[in-house]
C-alpha atoms as a PDB file:
ATOM      1  CA  MET A   1       0.000   0.000   0.000  1.00  0.00           C
ATOM      2  CA  TYR A   2       1.359   3.392  -0.983  1.00  0.00           C
ATOM      3  CA  VAL A   3       0.323   6.735   0.417  1.00  0.00           C
ATOM      4  CA  SER A   4       1.433  10.247  -0.373  1.00  0.00           C
ATOM      5  CA  LEU A   5       3.253  11.719   2.611  1.00  0.00           C
ATOM      6  CA  MET A   6       2.297  15.284   3.529  1.00  0.00           C
ATOM      7  CA  HIS A   7       4.280  17.860   5.500  1.00  0.00           C
ATOM      8  CA  VAL A   8       7.908  17.015   5.526  1.00  0.00           C
ATOM      9  CA  THR A   9       9.571  18.754   8.417  1.00  0.00           C
ATOM     10  CA  HIS A  10       9.291  15.705  10.631  1.00  0.00           C
ATOM     11  CA  PHE A  11       9.709  12.806   8.198  1.00  0.00           C
ATOM     12  CA  PHE A  12      10.547   9.451   9.687  1.00  0.00           C
ATOM     13  CA  PHE A  13      13.357   9.136   7.141  1.00  0.00           C
ATOM     14  CA  ILE A  14      15.484  11.731   8.943  1.00  0.00           C
ATOM     15  CA  PRO A  15      18.109   9.438  10.507  1.00  0.00           C
ATOM     16  CA  ILE A  16      16.680   8.463  13.841  1.00  0.00           C
ATOM     17  CA  TYR A  17      20.065   7.808  15.358  1.00  0.00           C
ATOM     18  CA  LEU A  18      20.874  11.528  15.183  1.00  0.00           C
ATOM     19  CA  TYR A  19      18.036  12.203  17.562  1.00  0.00           C
ATOM     20  CA  LYS A  20      18.781   9.252  19.791  1.00  0.00           C
ATOM     21  CA  ARG A  21      22.377  10.456  20.033  1.00  0.00           C
ATOM     22  CA  ASN A  22      21.027  13.760  21.367  1.00  0.00           C
ATOM     23  CA  ARG A  23      18.355  12.171  23.531  1.00  0.00           C
ATOM     24  CA  ILE A  24      18.970  14.402  26.538  1.00  0.00           C
ATOM     25  CA  LYS A  25      18.766  17.589  24.527  1.00  0.00           C
ATOM     26  CA  TYR A  26      15.633  16.556  22.693  1.00  0.00           C
ATOM     27  CA  SER A  27      13.813  15.006  25.635  1.00  0.00           C
ATOM     28  CA  ASN A  28      13.983  18.205  27.660  1.00  0.00           C
ATOM     29  CA  GLY A  29      11.070  19.825  25.841  1.00  0.00           C
ATOM     30  CA  ARG A  30       9.413  21.315  28.931  1.00  0.00           C
ATOM     31  CA  LYS A  31      12.669  22.950  30.032  1.00  0.00           C
ATOM     32  CA  LEU A  32      13.123  24.227  26.488  1.00  0.00           C
ATOM     33  CA  ILE A  33       9.661  25.787  26.491  1.00  0.00           C
ATOM     34  CA  ASP A  34      10.260  27.324  29.937  1.00  0.00           C
ATOM     35  CA  PHE A  35      13.601  28.704  28.795  1.00  0.00           C
ATOM     36  CA  PHE A  36      11.943  30.421  25.863  1.00  0.00           C
ATOM     37  CA  SER A  37       9.436  32.161  28.112  1.00  0.00           C
ATOM     38  CA  HIS A  38      11.855  34.935  29.044  1.00  0.00           C
ATOM     39  CA  PHE A  39      11.961  35.937  25.387  1.00  0.00           C
ATOM     40  CA  ILE A  40       8.197  36.069  25.341  1.00  0.00           C
ATOM     41  CA  ASN A  41       7.968  38.054  28.560  1.00  0.00           C
ATOM     42  CA  SER A  42      10.440  40.611  27.237  1.00  0.00           C
ATOM     43  CA  MET A  43       8.221  41.471  24.314  1.00  0.00           C
ATOM     44  CA  ALA A  44       5.966  44.521  24.306  1.00  0.00           C
ATOM     45  CA  ASP A  45       2.251  44.022  24.905  1.00  0.00           C
ATOM     46  CA  SER A  46       1.235  41.290  22.465  1.00  0.00           C
ATOM     47  CA  SER A  47      -2.523  41.826  22.612  1.00  0.00           C
ATOM     48  CA  ASP A  48      -2.562  43.712  19.323  1.00  0.00           C
ATOM     49  CA  ARG A  49      -0.073  41.472  17.542  1.00  0.00           C
ATOM     50  CA  VAL A  50      -1.232  39.330  14.633  1.00  0.00           C
ATOM     51  CA  ALA A  51       0.323  36.003  13.674  1.00  0.00           C
ATOM     52  CA  LEU A  52      -0.338  33.857  10.609  1.00  0.00           C
ATOM     53  CA  VAL A  53       0.559  30.166  10.441  1.00  0.00           C
ATOM     54  CA  SER A  54       0.229  28.216   7.201  1.00  0.00           C
ATOM     55  CA  GLY A  55      -0.726  24.540   7.226  1.00  0.00           C
ATOM     56  CA  SER A  56      -1.942  24.716  10.804  1.00  0.00           C
ATOM     57  CA  ASN A  57      -5.061  22.598  11.217  1.00  0.00           C
ATOM     58  CA  LYS A  58      -3.035  19.774  12.815  1.00  0.00           C
ATOM     59  CA  GLY A  59       0.403  18.685  13.937  1.00  0.00           C
ATOM     60  CA  ILE A  60       3.167  21.194  14.567  1.00  0.00           C
ATOM     61  CA  GLY A  61       1.284  24.023  12.881  1.00  0.00           C
ATOM     62  CA  PHE A  62      -1.711  23.508  15.157  1.00  0.00           C
ATOM     63  CA  GLU A  63       0.516  23.559  18.230  1.00  0.00           C
ATOM     64  CA  ILE A  64       2.321  26.693  17.033  1.00  0.00           C
ATOM     65  CA  CYS A  65      -1.076  28.393  16.820  1.00  0.00           C
ATOM     66  CA  ARG A  66      -1.943  27.258  20.334  1.00  0.00           C
ATOM     67  CA  GLN A  67       1.306  28.516  21.843  1.00  0.00           C
ATOM     68  CA  LEU A  68       1.117  31.870  20.067  1.00  0.00           C
ATOM     69  CA  ALA A  69      -2.505  32.385  21.117  1.00  0.00           C
ATOM     70  CA  LYS A  70      -1.605  31.461  24.695  1.00  0.00           C
ATOM     71  CA  ASN A  71       0.849  34.339  24.588  1.00  0.00           C
ATOM     72  CA  GLY A  72      -1.815  36.845  23.652  1.00  0.00           C
ATOM     73  CA  MET A  73      -1.489  36.903  19.891  1.00  0.00           C
ATOM     74  CA  THR A  74      -4.372  37.055  17.484  1.00  0.00           C
ATOM     75  CA  VAL A  75      -3.656  33.980  15.378  1.00  0.00           C
ATOM     76  CA  ILE A  76      -4.864  33.207  11.864  1.00  0.00           C
ATOM     77  CA  LEU A  77      -5.012  29.434  11.460  1.00  0.00           C
ATOM     78  CA  THR A  78      -5.028  28.265   7.846  1.00  0.00           C
ATOM     79  CA  ALA A  79      -5.771  25.067   5.970  1.00  0.00           C
ATOM     80  CA  ARG A  80      -6.662  23.945   2.461  1.00  0.00           C
ATOM     81  CA  ASP A  81      -9.897  22.364   3.678  1.00  0.00           C
ATOM     82  CA  GLU A  82     -12.498  24.635   5.279  1.00  0.00           C
ATOM     83  CA  LYS A  83     -14.112  21.921   7.398  1.00  0.00           C
ATOM     84  CA  ASN A  84     -10.782  20.796   8.844  1.00  0.00           C
ATOM     85  CA  GLY A  85      -9.725  24.365   9.500  1.00  0.00           C
ATOM     86  CA  LEU A  86     -12.917  25.378  11.279  1.00  0.00           C
ATOM     87  CA  GLU A  87     -12.846  22.219  13.393  1.00  0.00           C
ATOM     88  CA  ALA A  88      -9.252  22.996  14.377  1.00  0.00           C
ATOM     89  CA  VAL A  89     -10.220  26.506  15.488  1.00  0.00           C
ATOM     90  CA  GLU A  90     -13.100  25.197  17.586  1.00  0.00           C
ATOM     91  CA  LYS A  91     -10.828  22.576  19.149  1.00  0.00           C
ATOM     92  CA  LEU A  92      -8.284  25.223  20.126  1.00  0.00           C
ATOM     93  CA  LYS A  93     -10.983  27.405  21.670  1.00  0.00           C
ATOM     94  CA  ARG A  94     -12.621  24.514  23.490  1.00  0.00           C
ATOM     95  CA  GLU A  95      -9.440  22.996  24.919  1.00  0.00           C
ATOM     96  CA  ASN A  96      -7.641  26.222  25.809  1.00  0.00           C
ATOM     97  CA  GLY A  97     -10.417  28.535  26.934  1.00  0.00           C
ATOM     98  CA  PHE A  98      -9.985  31.110  24.207  1.00  0.00           C
ATOM     99  CA  SER A  99     -13.207  33.047  24.717  1.00  0.00           C
ATOM    100  CA  SER A 100     -12.683  35.812  22.188  1.00  0.00           C
ATOM    101  CA  ASP A 101     -13.629  35.165  18.587  1.00  0.00           C
ATOM    102  CA  GLU A 102     -10.585  37.253  17.714  1.00  0.00           C
ATOM    103  CA  ALA A 103      -8.073  34.992  19.509  1.00  0.00           C
ATOM    104  CA  ILE A 104      -8.088  32.348  16.766  1.00  0.00           C
ATOM    105  CA  LEU A 105      -9.411  32.962  13.268  1.00  0.00           C
ATOM    106  CA  PHE A 106      -9.583  30.695  10.245  1.00  0.00           C
ATOM    107  CA  HIS A 107      -8.908  31.427   6.603  1.00  0.00           C
ATOM    108  CA  LEU A 108      -8.577  29.096   3.647  1.00  0.00           C
ATOM    109  CA  LEU A 109      -5.080  28.838   2.204  1.00  0.00           C
ATOM    110  CA  ASP A 110      -3.437  26.725  -0.463  1.00  0.00           C
ATOM    111  CA  VAL A 111       0.157  27.934  -0.666  1.00  0.00           C
ATOM    112  CA  SER A 112       0.556  26.396  -4.115  1.00  0.00           C
ATOM    113  CA  ASN A 113      -2.216  28.657  -5.445  1.00  0.00           C
ATOM    114  CA  PRO A 114      -1.269  32.342  -5.961  1.00  0.00           C
ATOM    115  CA  ASP A 115      -4.937  33.378  -5.945  1.00  0.00           C
ATOM    116  CA  SER A 116      -5.439  31.729  -2.557  1.00  0.00           C
ATOM    117  CA  ILE A 117      -2.421  33.580  -1.162  1.00  0.00           C
ATOM    118  CA  ALA A 118      -3.696  36.883  -2.571  1.00  0.00           C
ATOM    119  CA  SER A 119      -7.110  36.321  -0.983  1.00  0.00           C
ATOM    120  CA  LEU A 120      -5.514  35.735   2.404  1.00  0.00           C
ATOM    121  CA  ALA A 121      -3.317  38.829   2.101  1.00  0.00           C
ATOM    122  CA  SER A 122      -6.395  40.890   1.279  1.00  0.00           C
ATOM    123  CA  PHE A 123      -8.178  39.487   4.333  1.00  0.00           C
ATOM    124  CA  VAL A 124      -5.270  40.371   6.635  1.00  0.00           C
ATOM    125  CA  LYS A 125      -4.999  43.879   5.195  1.00  0.00           C
ATOM    126  CA  THR A 126      -8.735  44.537   5.497  1.00  0.00           C
ATOM    127  CA  HIS A 127      -9.148  43.204   9.036  1.00  0.00           C
ATOM    128  CA  PHE A 128      -5.841  44.148  10.651  1.00  0.00           C
ATOM    129  CA  GLY A 129      -3.899  46.465   8.361  1.00  0.00           C
ATOM    130  CA  LYS A 130      -0.674  44.697   9.250  1.00  0.00           C
ATOM    131  CA  LEU A 131       0.947  41.387  10.122  1.00  0.00           C
ATOM    132  CA  ASP A 132       3.510  40.853  12.877  1.00  0.00           C
ATOM    133  CA  ILE A 133       4.448  37.178  12.557  1.00  0.00           C
ATOM    134  CA  LEU A 134       4.451  34.851   9.552  1.00  0.00           C
ATOM    135  CA  VAL A 135       5.182  31.166  10.112  1.00  0.00           C
ATOM    136  CA  ASN A 136       5.530  29.267   6.837  1.00  0.00           C
ATOM    137  CA  ASN A 137       4.717  25.752   7.995  1.00  0.00           C
ATOM    138  CA  ALA A 138       2.699  24.243   5.125  1.00  0.00           C
ATOM    139  CA  GLY A 139       4.338  21.693   2.887  1.00  0.00           C
ATOM    140  CA  VAL A 140       4.077  18.389   1.056  1.00  0.00           C
ATOM    141  CA  GLY A 141       6.258  15.332   1.235  1.00  0.00           C
ATOM    142  CA  GLY A 142       7.542  14.946  -2.284  1.00  0.00           C
ATOM    143  CA  ALA A 143       7.324  11.159  -2.087  1.00  0.00           C
ATOM    144  CA  ASN A 144       5.047   8.167  -1.990  1.00  0.00           C
ATOM    145  CA  VAL A 145       5.483   5.826   0.963  1.00  0.00           C
ATOM    146  CA  ASN A 146       5.133   2.060   0.981  1.00  0.00           C
ATOM    147  CA  VAL A 147       3.485   1.782   4.379  1.00  0.00           C
ATOM    148  CA  ASP A 148       3.737  -2.011   4.523  1.00  0.00           C
ATOM    149  CA  VAL A 149       7.514  -1.963   4.012  1.00  0.00           C
ATOM    150  CA  LEU A 150       7.875   0.893   6.474  1.00  0.00           C
ATOM    151  CA  LYS A 151       6.020  -0.983   9.192  1.00  0.00           C
ATOM    152  CA  SER A 152       7.966  -4.152   8.437  1.00  0.00           C
ATOM    153  CA  GLN A 153      11.325  -2.396   8.776  1.00  0.00           C
ATOM    154  CA  ILE A 154      10.285  -0.726  12.020  1.00  0.00           C
ATOM    155  CA  ALA A 155       9.020  -4.033  13.421  1.00  0.00           C
ATOM    156  CA  GLU A 156      12.305  -5.760  12.591  1.00  0.00           C
ATOM    157  CA  ALA A 157      14.838  -3.066  13.461  1.00  0.00           C
ATOM    158  CA  GLY A 158      12.973  -0.470  15.478  1.00  0.00           C
ATOM    159  CA  ALA A 159      13.466   2.138  12.760  1.00  0.00           C
ATOM    160  CA  PRO A 160      13.434   2.494   8.962  1.00  0.00           C
ATOM    161  CA  THR A 161      16.585   0.846   7.608  1.00  0.00           C
ATOM    162  CA  ASP A 162      16.383   1.155   3.814  1.00  0.00           C
ATOM    163  CA  ILE A 163      14.695   4.338   2.662  1.00  0.00           C
ATOM    164  CA  SER A 164      15.024   3.424  -1.015  1.00  0.00           C
ATOM    165  CA  LYS A 165      12.583   0.554  -0.456  1.00  0.00           C
ATOM    166  CA  ILE A 166      10.126   2.785   1.367  1.00  0.00           C
ATOM    167  CA  MET A 167      10.128   5.906  -0.806  1.00  0.00           C
ATOM    168  CA  SER A 168       9.320   6.418  -4.472  1.00  0.00           C
ATOM    169  CA  ASP A 169       8.493   9.465  -6.548  1.00  0.00           C
ATOM    170  CA  THR A 170       7.451  10.690  -9.974  1.00  0.00           C
ATOM    171  CA  TYR A 171       7.967  13.963 -11.799  1.00  0.00           C
ATOM    172  CA  GLU A 172       4.494  15.091 -10.748  1.00  0.00           C
ATOM    173  CA  VAL A 173       5.287  14.370  -7.095  1.00  0.00           C
ATOM    174  CA  VAL A 174       8.632  16.198  -7.013  1.00  0.00           C
ATOM    175  CA  GLU A 175       7.245  19.116  -9.017  1.00  0.00           C
ATOM    176  CA  GLU A 176       4.506  19.491  -6.421  1.00  0.00           C
ATOM    177  CA  ALA A 177       7.147  19.508  -3.681  1.00  0.00           C
ATOM    178  CA  ILE A 178       9.116  22.309  -5.348  1.00  0.00           C
ATOM    179  CA  ARG A 179       5.959  24.269  -6.159  1.00  0.00           C
ATOM    180  CA  THR A 180       4.535  23.971  -2.650  1.00  0.00           C
ATOM    181  CA  ASN A 181       7.532  23.842  -0.336  1.00  0.00           C
ATOM    182  CA  TYR A 182       9.778  26.367  -2.071  1.00  0.00           C
ATOM    183  CA  TYR A 183       7.613  28.542  -4.299  1.00  0.00           C
ATOM    184  CA  GLY A 184       4.797  28.449  -1.741  1.00  0.00           C
ATOM    185  CA  VAL A 185       7.083  29.962   0.892  1.00  0.00           C
ATOM    186  CA  LYS A 186       8.468  32.471  -1.595  1.00  0.00           C
ATOM    187  CA  ARG A 187       5.005  33.633  -2.678  1.00  0.00           C
ATOM    188  CA  MET A 188       3.744  33.817   0.892  1.00  0.00           C
ATOM    189  CA  CYS A 189       6.668  36.052   1.794  1.00  0.00           C
ATOM    190  CA  GLU A 190       6.139  38.242  -1.257  1.00  0.00           C
ATOM    191  CA  ALA A 191       2.457  38.693  -0.403  1.00  0.00           C
ATOM    192  CA  MET A 192       2.879  39.234   3.334  1.00  0.00           C
ATOM    193  CA  ILE A 193       6.034  41.367   3.488  1.00  0.00           C
ATOM    194  CA  PRO A 194       4.107  44.595   2.677  1.00  0.00           C
ATOM    195  CA  LEU A 195       1.865  43.828   5.669  1.00  0.00           C
ATOM    196  CA  LEU A 196       4.822  42.909   7.866  1.00  0.00           C
ATOM    197  CA  GLU A 197       6.420  46.257   7.029  1.00  0.00           C
ATOM    198  CA  ALA A 198       3.606  47.903   8.998  1.00  0.00           C
ATOM    199  CA  SER A 199       4.725  46.066  12.148  1.00  0.00           C
ATOM    200  CA  ASP A 200       7.257  47.429  14.630  1.00  0.00           C
ATOM    201  CA  SER A 201       8.693  43.931  15.114  1.00  0.00           C
ATOM    202  CA  PRO A 202       8.175  41.838  11.956  1.00  0.00           C
ATOM    203  CA  ARG A 203       9.104  38.166  12.156  1.00  0.00           C
ATOM    204  CA  ILE A 204       9.206  35.420   9.536  1.00  0.00           C
ATOM    205  CA  VAL A 205       9.851  31.808  10.526  1.00  0.00           C
ATOM    206  CA  ASN A 206      10.293  29.320   7.688  1.00  0.00           C
ATOM    207  CA  ILE A 207       9.937  25.674   8.679  1.00  0.00           C
ATOM    208  CA  ALA A 208      12.772  23.763   7.035  1.00  0.00           C
ATOM    209  CA  SER A 209      14.640  20.524   7.705  1.00  0.00           C
ATOM    210  CA  THR A 210      18.139  19.217   8.231  1.00  0.00           C
ATOM    211  CA  MET A 211      17.510  17.256   5.033  1.00  0.00           C
ATOM    212  CA  GLY A 212      17.797  20.580   3.210  1.00  0.00           C
ATOM    213  CA  MET A 213      21.373  21.140   4.359  1.00  0.00           C
ATOM    214  CA  LEU A 214      23.913  21.471   1.562  1.00  0.00           C
ATOM    215  CA  GLN A 215      25.664  18.259   2.567  1.00  0.00           C
ATOM    216  CA  ASN A 216      22.622  16.506   1.085  1.00  0.00           C
ATOM    217  CA  VAL A 217      22.752  18.473  -2.198  1.00  0.00           C
ATOM    218  CA  SER A 218      25.220  16.294  -4.053  1.00  0.00           C
ATOM    219  CA  TYR A 219      25.261  18.172  -7.380  1.00  0.00           C
ATOM    220  CA  GLU A 220      28.319  20.411  -7.067  1.00  0.00           C
ATOM    221  CA  TRP A 221      26.972  23.165  -9.337  1.00  0.00           C
ATOM    222  CA  ALA A 222      23.795  23.525  -7.277  1.00  0.00           C
ATOM    223  CA  LYS A 223      25.736  23.361  -4.025  1.00  0.00           C
ATOM    224  CA  ALA A 224      28.094  26.095  -5.223  1.00  0.00           C
ATOM    225  CA  VAL A 225      25.224  28.393  -6.186  1.00  0.00           C
ATOM    226  CA  LEU A 226      23.325  27.942  -2.931  1.00  0.00           C
ATOM    227  CA  SER A 227      26.408  28.245  -0.716  1.00  0.00           C
ATOM    228  CA  ASP A 228      27.582  31.540  -2.237  1.00  0.00           C
ATOM    229  CA  ALA A 229      25.937  33.726   0.397  1.00  0.00           C
ATOM    230  CA  ASP A 230      27.479  36.972  -0.856  1.00  0.00           C
ATOM    231  CA  ASN A 231      26.084  36.616  -4.374  1.00  0.00           C
ATOM    232  CA  LEU A 232      22.955  34.560  -3.750  1.00  0.00           C
ATOM    233  CA  THR A 233      19.681  35.939  -5.138  1.00  0.00           C
ATOM    234  CA  GLN A 234      16.131  34.684  -5.434  1.00  0.00           C
ATOM    235  CA  GLU A 235      16.659  34.387  -9.178  1.00  0.00           C
ATOM    236  CA  LYS A 236      19.639  32.084  -8.646  1.00  0.00           C
ATOM    237  CA  ILE A 237      17.661  29.877  -6.270  1.00  0.00           C
ATOM    238  CA  ASP A 238      14.869  29.716  -8.849  1.00  0.00           C
ATOM    239  CA  GLU A 239      17.450  28.680 -11.444  1.00  0.00           C
ATOM    240  CA  VAL A 240      18.554  25.759  -9.266  1.00  0.00           C
ATOM    241  CA  MET A 241      14.940  24.603  -8.865  1.00  0.00           C
ATOM    242  CA  LYS A 242      14.276  24.850 -12.600  1.00  0.00           C
ATOM    243  CA  GLU A 243      17.472  22.981 -13.459  1.00  0.00           C
ATOM    244  CA  TYR A 244      16.599  20.210 -11.024  1.00  0.00           C
ATOM    245  CA  LEU A 245      13.116  19.752 -12.482  1.00  0.00           C
ATOM    246  CA  LYS A 246      14.494  19.781 -16.030  1.00  0.00           C
ATOM    247  CA  ASP A 247      17.070  17.127 -15.194  1.00  0.00           C
ATOM    248  CA  TYR A 248      14.469  15.011 -13.399  1.00  0.00           C
ATOM    249  CA  ARG A 249      12.164  15.189 -16.408  1.00  0.00           C
ATOM    250  CA  GLU A 250      15.035  14.233 -18.727  1.00  0.00           C
ATOM    251  CA  GLY A 251      16.144  11.360 -16.494  1.00  0.00           C
ATOM    252  CA  SER A 252      19.604  12.795 -15.845  1.00  0.00           C
ATOM    253  CA  LEU A 253      19.599  13.228 -12.058  1.00  0.00           C
ATOM    254  CA  GLN A 254      22.140  10.491 -11.447  1.00  0.00           C
ATOM    255  CA  ASP A 255      24.385  11.535 -14.334  1.00  0.00           C
ATOM    256  CA  LYS A 256      24.467  15.126 -13.096  1.00  0.00           C
ATOM    257  CA  GLY A 257      25.023  14.119  -9.482  1.00  0.00           C
ATOM    258  CA  TRP A 258      21.719  15.250  -7.998  1.00  0.00           C
ATOM    259  CA  PRO A 259      20.416  13.319  -4.979  1.00  0.00           C
ATOM    260  CA  THR A 260      18.165  10.507  -6.156  1.00  0.00           C
ATOM    261  CA  VAL A 261      16.319   9.551  -2.953  1.00  0.00           C
ATOM    262  CA  MET A 262      13.881  12.195  -1.677  1.00  0.00           C
ATOM    263  CA  SER A 263      15.450  14.642  -4.111  1.00  0.00           C
ATOM    264  CA  GLY A 264      12.387  16.868  -4.448  1.00  0.00           C
ATOM    265  CA  TYR A 265      12.127  17.247  -0.695  1.00  0.00           C
ATOM    266  CA  ILE A 266      15.847  17.893  -0.250  1.00  0.00           C
ATOM    267  CA  LEU A 267      15.982  20.543  -2.979  1.00  0.00           C
ATOM    268  CA  SER A 268      12.786  22.281  -1.869  1.00  0.00           C
ATOM    269  CA  LYS A 269      13.995  22.614   1.713  1.00  0.00           C
ATOM    270  CA  ALA A 270      17.470  23.692   0.626  1.00  0.00           C
ATOM    271  CA  GLY A 271      15.684  26.382  -1.351  1.00  0.00           C
ATOM    272  CA  VAL A 272      13.766  27.501   1.744  1.00  0.00           C
ATOM    273  CA  ILE A 273      16.951  27.841   3.805  1.00  0.00           C
ATOM    274  CA  ALA A 274      18.678  29.740   0.994  1.00  0.00           C
ATOM    275  CA  LEU A 275      15.647  31.992   0.481  1.00  0.00           C
ATOM    276  CA  THR A 276      15.669  32.820   4.184  1.00  0.00           C
ATOM    277  CA  ARG A 277      19.231  34.102   3.839  1.00  0.00           C
ATOM    278  CA  VAL A 278      18.353  36.287   0.871  1.00  0.00           C
ATOM    279  CA  LEU A 279      15.230  37.765   2.457  1.00  0.00           C
ATOM    280  CA  ALA A 280      17.086  38.579   5.664  1.00  0.00           C
ATOM    281  CA  LYS A 281      19.650  40.585   3.688  1.00  0.00           C
ATOM    282  CA  GLN A 282      16.921  42.403   1.767  1.00  0.00           C
ATOM    283  CA  HIS A 283      14.781  43.269   4.809  1.00  0.00           C
ATOM    284  CA  LYS A 284      17.162  44.294   7.553  1.00  0.00           C
ATOM    285  CA  SER A 285      14.433  45.577   9.878  1.00  0.00           C
ATOM    286  CA  PHE A 286      12.870  42.098   9.900  1.00  0.00           C
ATOM    287  CA  ILE A 287      14.018  39.039  11.826  1.00  0.00           C
ATOM    288  CA  ILE A 288      13.778  36.134   9.392  1.00  0.00           C
ATOM    289  CA  ASN A 289      15.045  32.650  10.213  1.00  0.00           C
ATOM    290  CA  SER A 290      14.477  29.050   9.181  1.00  0.00           C
ATOM    291  CA  VAL A 291      14.266  26.118  11.563  1.00  0.00           C
ATOM    292  CA  CYS A 292      14.067  22.343  11.626  1.00  0.00           C
ATOM    293  CA  PRO A 293      11.669  21.596  14.499  1.00  0.00           C
ATOM    294  CA  GLY A 294      12.962  18.053  14.955  1.00  0.00           C
ATOM    295  CA  PHE A 295      11.532  14.577  14.469  1.00  0.00           C
ATOM    296  CA  VAL A 296       8.040  15.013  15.888  1.00  0.00           C
ATOM    297  CA  ASN A 297       5.625  12.200  16.678  1.00  0.00           C
ATOM    298  CA  THR A 298       2.510  12.783  14.538  1.00  0.00           C
ATOM    299  CA  ASP A 299       0.190  10.790  12.331  1.00  0.00           C
ATOM    300  CA  ILE A 300       2.070  12.215   9.357  1.00  0.00           C
ATOM    301  CA  ASN A 301       5.076   9.998  10.068  1.00  0.00           C
ATOM    302  CA  PHE A 302       2.928   7.141  11.329  1.00  0.00           C
ATOM    303  CA  ASN A 303       3.819   8.013  14.936  1.00  0.00           C
ATOM    304  CA  THR A 304       7.484   7.116  14.522  1.00  0.00           C
ATOM    305  CA  GLY A 305       8.750  10.471  15.801  1.00  0.00           C
ATOM    306  CA  ILE A 306      10.603  11.064  19.052  1.00  0.00           C
ATOM    307  CA  LEU A 307       9.451  14.562  20.033  1.00  0.00           C
ATOM    308  CA  THR A 308       6.001  15.647  21.146  1.00  0.00           C
ATOM    309  CA  VAL A 309       4.229  18.351  19.146  1.00  0.00           C
ATOM    310  CA  GLU A 310       4.766  20.696  22.095  1.00  0.00           C
ATOM    311  CA  GLU A 311       8.507  20.121  21.862  1.00  0.00           C
ATOM    312  CA  GLY A 312       8.477  20.419  18.080  1.00  0.00           C
ATOM    313  CA  ALA A 313       6.624  23.733  18.139  1.00  0.00           C
ATOM    314  CA  ALA A 314       8.853  25.265  20.816  1.00  0.00           C
ATOM    315  CA  SER A 315      11.691  26.339  18.513  1.00  0.00           C
ATOM    316  CA  PRO A 316       9.520  27.958  15.812  1.00  0.00           C
ATOM    317  CA  VAL A 317       7.563  29.782  18.521  1.00  0.00           C
ATOM    318  CA  LYS A 318      10.771  31.010  20.125  1.00  0.00           C
ATOM    319  CA  LEU A 319      11.939  32.433  16.801  1.00  0.00           C
ATOM    320  CA  ALA A 320       8.551  34.052  16.236  1.00  0.00           C
ATOM    321  CA  LEU A 321       8.735  35.832  19.582  1.00  0.00           C
ATOM    322  CA  VAL A 322      12.378  36.848  19.896  1.00  0.00           C
ATOM    323  CA  PRO A 323      12.965  40.503  20.807  1.00  0.00           C
ATOM    324  CA  ASN A 324      14.350  43.067  18.396  1.00  0.00           C
ATOM    325  CA  GLY A 325      18.066  42.721  17.798  1.00  0.00           C
ATOM    326  CA  HIS A 326      18.037  38.940  17.471  1.00  0.00           C
ATOM    327  CA  PRO A 327      20.182  37.557  14.610  1.00  0.00           C
ATOM    328  CA  SER A 328      18.469  37.085  11.267  1.00  0.00           C
ATOM    329  CA  GLY A 329      19.079  34.913   8.218  1.00  0.00           C
ATOM    330  CA  LEU A 330      20.112  31.829  10.175  1.00  0.00           C
ATOM    331  CA  PHE A 331      19.141  28.160  10.027  1.00  0.00           C
ATOM    332  CA  PHE A 332      18.350  26.487  13.340  1.00  0.00           C
ATOM    333  CA  ASP A 333      18.300  22.788  14.135  1.00  0.00           C
ATOM    334  CA  ARG A 334      15.727  23.179  16.861  1.00  0.00           C
ATOM    335  CA  SER A 335      17.271  25.709  19.261  1.00  0.00           C
ATOM    336  CA  ASN A 336      20.817  25.494  17.910  1.00  0.00           C
ATOM    337  CA  VAL A 337      22.238  27.530  15.050  1.00  0.00           C
ATOM    338  CA  SER A 338      23.315  25.120  12.316  1.00  0.00           C
ATOM    339  CA  ASN A 339      25.451  25.360   9.228  1.00  0.00           C
ATOM    340  CA  PHE A 340      23.549  25.415   5.946  1.00  0.00           C
END
């Protein structure tokens, strides 16, 4: 049985041993959340601050909404499906005692659809006139998963052991990953930056993954382009994405040296990290960072994750609430600054 795997920041295929090796650091989620509270408390009054979280009707996105609302933000929860989104809002209100209709709002959003993004931007402008926090959390997996093989490997070894037997993709699948994970983030930023400019403390948090690190981009040309921080532009990142899709379509990934397992996911997340760098240089009054929230236990990865959703959401929330003067343009592996 194959299924399409959605939302990639906490894929089971991220090497589990990396997280087990750091078990103490990752198991201390409550201390991590408490530690972040001093950042939150140092902020100005948050009652008039507006946050927007894409892909937030469940999982990490849902928990990010909860934590932001708990800290006094007005939060716009988004989803592609209206029923799921409205149910998520009601669940947050019911379980957390949010009495105000303004604490959590819902709006439809498909980040792969420019018209959907434009509609949301218009809604934010009309109702609030500004945006303070943008968390780009929505994404797709860029792969099909053989669930039977996955479960078999976990039963035998306690973890996935041969990803090539679990994952498969097609051009349509990897194109969707690039269009949603990279171009979706880019278009969301383009649409929301004018609204963020009206804030006195604009923040953008792009959910990425350690799988997007350049060590996983095996094509030397692409790696050279993305690693050249001084000369990197959005146009150059776009060129890498277009070249990857062209080579995939022509069947030349292996000949060129591109990654061949989870390549669409790897390239899309590398693009997000690179884009974060570029945007931070262009908008110096903003604080813009990308973060891998860790390997979180959700239904998306068939409950193979190690972290709770509370622990997974802690790092993105911290970055959303840091005070002015915090570094920008960085990639975080949870709470730690990481090399791209």
